[in-house]
Amino acid sequence: MTAKSDIQSPGQKLHLLRLSVGWSEQECAYRLTLEANELITTNAWTSWEQSGVNDVQSRDIYRLADPICKLFATDKNWLLDSTTPATPSAKILPLKK
């Protein structure tokens, strides 16, 4: 992951959103496929969650921000803001690729 440890990337926020609603990667990929009317694979979803601020995979998050935010009922500006500080009470563990 290329994101700085003191900020949350959109991918990390996506990961935290998924955990907060209790869905699996497969469930999120399926629901976003329906919402965006575009095939989203589980592997794509997982790579988004593992992406840092400047990673290539984060481009899809930006492109699909509207359906993602609708799916999770969250603010688009919050999701895409890469200056959000990491929550000091939560430790974000790097995911292995």
Protein backbone atom coordinates (compact mmCIF):
# COMPACT_ATOMS: atom_id res chain seq x y z
CA MET A 1 0.00 0.00 0.00
CA THR A 2 1.41 3.36 -0.95
CA ALA A 3 -0.80 5.51 1.26
CA LYS A 4 0.77 7.47 4.08
CA SER A 5 -0.01 5.94 7.44
CA ASP A 6 -1.29 9.24 8.87
CA ILE A 7 -4.08 9.72 6.29
CA GLN A 8 -6.87 7.53 5.00
CA SER A 9 -6.99 6.79 1.30
CA PRO A 10 -10.36 6.37 -0.43
CA GLY A 11 -9.58 2.63 -0.54
CA GLN A 12 -9.10 2.48 3.22
CA LYS A 13 -12.36 4.38 3.70
CA LEU A 14 -14.08 1.90 1.41
CA HIS A 15 -12.69 -0.92 3.54
CA LEU A 16 -13.94 0.70 6.75
CA LEU A 17 -17.39 1.34 5.22
CA ARG A 18 -17.65 -2.31 4.25
CA LEU A 19 -16.67 -3.44 7.71
CA SER A 20 -19.14 -1.08 9.35
CA VAL A 21 -22.08 -2.56 7.43
CA GLY A 22 -20.78 -6.13 7.79
CA TRP A 23 -20.74 -7.07 4.11
CA SER A 24 -18.15 -9.33 2.50
CA GLU A 25 -16.09 -8.25 -0.49
CA GLN A 26 -18.31 -10.48 -2.63
CA GLU A 27 -21.48 -8.81 -1.34
CA CYS A 28 -20.09 -5.33 -2.02
CA ALA A 29 -18.98 -6.28 -5.54
CA TYR A 30 -22.42 -7.75 -6.27
CA ARG A 31 -24.33 -4.76 -4.86
CA LEU A 32 -22.12 -2.26 -6.72
CA THR A 33 -22.56 -4.26 -9.93
CA LEU A 34 -26.31 -3.74 -9.56
CA GLU A 35 -26.02 -0.08 -8.51
CA ALA A 36 -23.51 0.95 -11.17
CA ASN A 37 -24.83 -1.36 -13.90
CA GLU A 38 -21.25 -2.46 -14.48
CA LEU A 39 -19.53 -5.75 -13.69
CA ILE A 40 -17.51 -5.36 -10.50
CA THR A 41 -15.49 -8.42 -9.55
CA THR A 42 -14.54 -9.40 -6.03
CA ASN A 43 -10.87 -9.10 -7.03
CA ALA A 44 -11.46 -5.53 -8.22
CA TRP A 45 -13.19 -4.64 -4.96
CA THR A 46 -10.37 -6.14 -2.91
CA SER A 47 -7.73 -4.26 -4.92
CA TRP A 48 -9.63 -0.99 -4.34
CA GLU A 49 -9.59 -1.56 -0.58
CA GLN A 50 -5.85 -2.21 -0.73
CA SER A 51 -5.10 0.84 -2.87
CA GLY A 52 -3.32 3.93 -1.64
CA VAL A 53 -3.99 7.54 -2.54
CA ASN A 54 -2.01 7.55 -5.80
CA ASP A 55 -2.45 3.91 -6.84
CA VAL A 56 -3.92 3.07 -10.23
CA GLN A 57 -6.76 1.10 -8.62
CA SER A 58 -8.06 4.23 -6.89
CA ARG A 59 -9.09 5.65 -10.29
CA ASP A 60 -12.05 3.27 -10.33
CA ILE A 61 -13.10 4.50 -6.90
CA TYR A 62 -13.15 8.07 -8.23
CA ARG A 63 -14.97 7.00 -11.39
CA LEU A 64 -17.61 5.04 -9.47
CA ALA A 65 -17.84 7.41 -6.50
CA ASP A 66 -21.51 8.27 -7.06
CA PRO A 67 -22.84 4.68 -7.00
CA ILE A 68 -20.43 3.75 -4.18
CA CYS A 69 -21.65 6.64 -2.05
CA LYS A 70 -25.27 5.82 -2.83
CA LEU A 71 -24.65 2.20 -1.84
CA PHE A 72 -23.20 3.19 1.54
CA ALA A 73 -25.23 6.39 2.00
CA THR A 74 -22.07 8.39 2.53
CA ASP A 75 -20.75 11.77 1.44
CA LYS A 76 -18.79 11.78 -1.81
CA ASN A 77 -16.49 14.59 -0.64
CA TRP A 78 -15.57 12.59 2.46
CA LEU A 79 -14.87 9.44 0.47
CA LEU A 80 -12.63 11.15 -2.07
CA ASP A 81 -10.86 13.52 0.33
CA SER A 82 -7.36 12.11 0.69
CA THR A 83 -6.46 14.48 3.53
CA THR A 84 -8.72 12.84 6.11
CA PRO A 85 -6.55 11.97 9.09
CA ALA A 86 -6.54 8.37 10.20
CA THR A 87 -8.57 7.77 13.34
CA PRO A 88 -6.11 7.61 16.24
CA SER A 89 -8.26 5.06 18.07
CA ALA A 90 -8.13 2.59 15.19
CA LYS A 91 -5.08 0.88 13.84
CA ILE A 92 -5.28 0.19 10.13
CA LEU A 93 -3.29 -2.88 9.28
CA PRO A 94 -1.77 -3.06 5.81
CA LEU A 95 -3.37 -5.73 3.64
CA LYS A 96 -1.11 -8.19 1.90
CA LYS A 97 -1.36 -8.23 -1.86
